[in-house]
């Protein structure tokens, strides 16, 4: 399914695959948002 970009932004889009046992995604994304907020560069 194609993802449509709603607004002009440089932000990354993260896919959230829906399956059992995918409990870590919330923590991964909240950690990434905290790094962005604190101005810490993450690895790409």
PDB file of N, CA and C in Angstrom:
ATOM      1  N   UNK A   1       0.848  -1.163   0.000  1.00  0.00           N
ATOM      2  CA  UNK A   1       0.000   0.000   0.000  1.00  0.00           C
ATOM      3  C   UNK A   1       0.904   1.239   0.000  1.00  0.00           C
ATOM      4  N   UNK A   2       0.763   2.145  -0.945  1.00  0.00           N
ATOM      5  CA  UNK A   2       1.577   3.359  -0.953  1.00  0.00           C
ATOM      6  C   UNK A   2       1.186   4.292   0.180  1.00  0.00           C
ATOM      7  N   UNK A   3       2.173   4.974   0.701  1.00  0.00           N
ATOM      8  CA  UNK A   3       1.935   5.958   1.759  1.00  0.00           C
ATOM      9  C   UNK A   3       1.953   7.333   1.132  1.00  0.00           C
ATOM     10  N   UNK A   4       0.951   8.118   1.366  1.00  0.00           N
ATOM     11  CA  UNK A   4       0.874   9.480   0.846  1.00  0.00           C
ATOM     12  C   UNK A   4       1.432  10.442   1.897  1.00  0.00           C
ATOM     13  N   UNK A   5       2.278  11.345   1.462  1.00  0.00           N
ATOM     14  CA  UNK A   5       2.831  12.335   2.377  1.00  0.00           C
ATOM     15  C   UNK A   5       1.821  13.466   2.518  1.00  0.00           C
ATOM     16  N   UNK A   6       1.393  13.727   3.751  1.00  0.00           N
ATOM     17  CA  UNK A   6       0.339  14.707   4.001  1.00  0.00           C
ATOM     18  C   UNK A   6       0.843  16.141   3.901  1.00  0.00           C
ATOM     19  N   UNK A   7       2.073  16.386   4.281  1.00  0.00           N
ATOM     20  CA  UNK A   7       2.600  17.749   4.273  1.00  0.00           C
ATOM     21  C   UNK A   7       4.086  17.701   3.916  1.00  0.00           C
ATOM     22  N   UNK A   8       4.596  18.815   3.452  1.00  0.00           N
ATOM     23  CA  UNK A   8       6.030  18.894   3.124  1.00  0.00           C
ATOM     24  C   UNK A   8       6.826  18.817   4.419  1.00  0.00           C
ATOM     25  N   UNK A   9       7.619  17.769   4.553  1.00  0.00           N
ATOM     26  CA  UNK A   9       8.423  17.586   5.757  1.00  0.00           C
ATOM     27  C   UNK A   9       9.656  16.755   5.423  1.00  0.00           C
ATOM     28  N   UNK A  10      10.678  16.904   6.212  1.00  0.00           N
ATOM     29  CA  UNK A  10      11.898  16.112   6.056  1.00  0.00           C
ATOM     30  C   UNK A  10      11.909  14.939   7.031  1.00  0.00           C
ATOM     31  N   UNK A  11      10.834  14.797   7.822  1.00  0.00           N
ATOM     32  CA  UNK A  11      10.777  13.751   8.842  1.00  0.00           C
ATOM     33  C   UNK A  11      10.715  12.368   8.203  1.00  0.00           C
ATOM     34  N   UNK A  12      11.307  11.392   8.891  1.00  0.00           N
ATOM     35  CA  UNK A  12      11.252  10.017   8.434  1.00  0.00           C
ATOM     36  C   UNK A  12       9.878   9.438   8.694  1.00  0.00           C
ATOM     37  N   UNK A  13       9.456   8.526   7.850  1.00  0.00           N
ATOM     38  CA  UNK A  13       8.220   7.795   8.064  1.00  0.00           C
ATOM     39  C   UNK A  13       8.606   6.392   8.503  1.00  0.00           C
ATOM     40  N   UNK A  14       8.040   5.955   9.628  1.00  0.00           N
ATOM     41  CA  UNK A  14       8.323   4.625  10.146  1.00  0.00           C
ATOM     42  C   UNK A  14       7.120   3.731   9.912  1.00  0.00           C
ATOM     43  N   UNK A  15       7.364   2.553   9.374  1.00  0.00           N
ATOM     44  CA  UNK A  15       6.290   1.591   9.160  1.00  0.00           C
ATOM     45  C   UNK A  15       6.041   0.835  10.450  1.00  0.00           C
ATOM     46  N   UNK A  16       4.798   0.644  10.753  1.00  0.00           N
ATOM     47  CA  UNK A  16       4.417  -0.167  11.900  1.00  0.00           C
ATOM     48  C   UNK A  16       3.699  -1.399  11.381  1.00  0.00           C
ATOM     49  N   UNK A  17       4.411  -2.501  11.282  1.00  0.00           N
ATOM     50  CA  UNK A  17       3.807  -3.741  10.814  1.00  0.00           C
ATOM     51  C   UNK A  17       2.972  -4.325  11.951  1.00  0.00           C
ATOM     52  N   UNK A  18       1.791  -4.708  11.638  1.00  0.00           N
ATOM     53  CA  UNK A  18       0.879  -5.213  12.659  1.00  0.00           C
ATOM     54  C   UNK A  18       1.004  -6.735  12.741  1.00  0.00           C
ATOM     55  N   UNK A  19       1.599  -7.211  13.798  1.00  0.00           N
ATOM     56  CA  UNK A  19       1.694  -8.641  14.024  1.00  0.00           C
ATOM     57  C   UNK A  19       1.895  -8.894  15.501  1.00  0.00           C
ATOM     58  N   UNK A  20       1.586 -10.081  15.936  1.00  0.00           N
ATOM     59  CA  UNK A  20       1.742 -10.419  17.344  1.00  0.00           C
ATOM     60  C   UNK A  20       3.213 -10.361  17.738  1.00  0.00           C
ATOM     61  N   UNK A  21       3.475  -9.880  18.915  1.00  0.00           N
ATOM     62  CA  UNK A  21       4.831  -9.834  19.425  1.00  0.00           C
ATOM     63  C   UNK A  21       5.602  -8.587  19.042  1.00  0.00           C
ATOM     64  N   UNK A  22       4.960  -7.634  18.387  1.00  0.00           N
ATOM     65  CA  UNK A  22       5.641  -6.400  17.986  1.00  0.00           C
ATOM     66  C   UNK A  22       5.514  -5.359  19.103  1.00  0.00           C
ATOM     67  N   UNK A  23       6.034  -5.693  20.269  1.00  0.00           N
ATOM     68  CA  UNK A  23       5.875  -4.833  21.434  1.00  0.00           C
ATOM     69  C   UNK A  23       6.961  -3.778  21.531  1.00  0.00           C
ATOM     70  N   UNK A  24       8.076  -3.942  20.857  1.00  0.00           N
ATOM     71  CA  UNK A  24       9.198  -3.030  20.996  1.00  0.00           C
ATOM     72  C   UNK A  24       9.066  -1.743  20.204  1.00  0.00           C
ATOM     73  N   UNK A  25       8.170  -1.699  19.217  1.00  0.00           N
ATOM     74  CA  UNK A  25       8.090  -0.537  18.334  1.00  0.00           C
ATOM     75  C   UNK A  25       7.767   0.744  19.085  1.00  0.00           C
ATOM     76  N   UNK A  26       6.890   0.691  20.061  1.00  0.00           N
ATOM     77  CA  UNK A  26       6.539   1.881  20.834  1.00  0.00           C
ATOM     78  C   UNK A  26       7.775   2.468  21.510  1.00  0.00           C
ATOM     79  N   UNK A  27       8.587   1.617  22.117  1.00  0.00           N
ATOM     80  CA  UNK A  27       9.805   2.088  22.780  1.00  0.00           C
ATOM     81  C   UNK A  27      10.834   2.603  21.794  1.00  0.00           C
ATOM     82  N   UNK A  28      10.963   1.942  20.650  1.00  0.00           N
ATOM     83  CA  UNK A  28      11.914   2.368  19.624  1.00  0.00           C
ATOM     84  C   UNK A  28      11.553   3.763  19.124  1.00  0.00           C
ATOM     85  N   UNK A  29      10.273   3.956  18.797  1.00  0.00           N
ATOM     86  CA  UNK A  29       9.841   5.253  18.275  1.00  0.00           C
ATOM     87  C   UNK A  29       9.893   6.349  19.336  1.00  0.00           C
ATOM     88  N   UNK A  30       9.537   6.042  20.580  1.00  0.00           N
ATOM     89  CA  UNK A  30       9.602   7.070  21.613  1.00  0.00           C
ATOM     90  C   UNK A  30      11.057   7.446  21.902  1.00  0.00           C
ATOM     91  N   UNK A  31      11.971   6.486  21.816  1.00  0.00           N
ATOM     92  CA  UNK A  31      13.396   6.789  21.972  1.00  0.00           C
ATOM     93  C   UNK A  31      13.909   7.672  20.853  1.00  0.00           C
ATOM     94  N   UNK A  32      13.470   7.399  19.622  1.00  0.00           N
ATOM     95  CA  UNK A  32      13.878   8.221  18.483  1.00  0.00           C
ATOM     96  C   UNK A  32      13.337   9.631  18.621  1.00  0.00           C
ATOM     97  N   UNK A  33      12.099   9.780  19.064  1.00  0.00           N
ATOM     98  CA  UNK A  33      11.515  11.117  19.254  1.00  0.00           C
ATOM     99  C   UNK A  33      12.264  11.871  20.366  1.00  0.00           C
ATOM    100  N   UNK A  34      12.661  11.176  21.422  1.00  0.00           N
ATOM    101  CA  UNK A  34      13.415  11.814  22.502  1.00  0.00           C
ATOM    102  C   UNK A  34      14.772  12.291  21.999  1.00  0.00           C
ATOM    103  N   UNK A  35      15.426  11.467  21.141  1.00  0.00           N
ATOM    104  CA  UNK A  35      16.721  11.871  20.575  1.00  0.00           C
ATOM    105  C   UNK A  35      16.564  13.097  19.683  1.00  0.00           C
ATOM    106  N   UNK A  36      15.508  13.131  18.895  1.00  0.00           N
ATOM    107  CA  UNK A  36      15.240  14.305  18.047  1.00  0.00           C
ATOM    108  C   UNK A  36      15.017  15.539  18.916  1.00  0.00           C
ATOM    109  N   UNK A  37      14.224  15.392  19.959  1.00  0.00           N
ATOM    110  CA  UNK A  37      13.906  16.505  20.859  1.00  0.00           C
ATOM    111  C   UNK A  37      15.168  17.028  21.535  1.00  0.00           C
ATOM    112  N   UNK A  38      16.078  16.133  21.890  1.00  0.00           N
ATOM    113  CA  UNK A  38      17.315  16.524  22.572  1.00  0.00           C
ATOM    114  C   UNK A  38      18.425  16.938  21.615  1.00  0.00           C
ATOM    115  N   UNK A  39      18.171  16.813  20.311  1.00  0.00           N
ATOM    116  CA  UNK A  39      19.160  17.213  19.318  1.00  0.00           C
ATOM    117  C   UNK A  39      20.294  16.218  19.156  1.00  0.00           C
ATOM    118  N   UNK A  40      20.066  14.959  19.512  1.00  0.00           N
ATOM    119  CA  UNK A  40      21.082  13.919  19.385  1.00  0.00           C
ATOM    120  C   UNK A  40      20.966  13.288  18.006  1.00  0.00           C
ATOM    121  N   UNK A  41      22.078  13.181  17.292  1.00  0.00           N
ATOM    122  CA  UNK A  41      22.069  12.556  15.974  1.00  0.00           C
ATOM    123  C   UNK A  41      22.051  11.044  16.134  1.00  0.00           C
ATOM    124  N   UNK A  42      21.138  10.382  15.464  1.00  0.00           N
ATOM    125  CA  UNK A  42      21.053   8.924  15.507  1.00  0.00           C
ATOM    126  C   UNK A  42      21.809   8.321  14.343  1.00  0.00           C
ATOM    127  N   UNK A  43      22.009   7.024  14.384  1.00  0.00           N
ATOM    128  CA  UNK A  43      22.673   6.353  13.265  1.00  0.00           C
ATOM    129  C   UNK A  43      21.656   6.044  12.191  1.00  0.00           C
ATOM    130  N   UNK A  44      22.100   6.106  10.923  1.00  0.00           N
ATOM    131  CA  UNK A  44      21.196   5.822   9.810  1.00  0.00           C
ATOM    132  C   UNK A  44      21.731   4.676   9.008  1.00  0.00           C
TER     133      UNK A  44
END
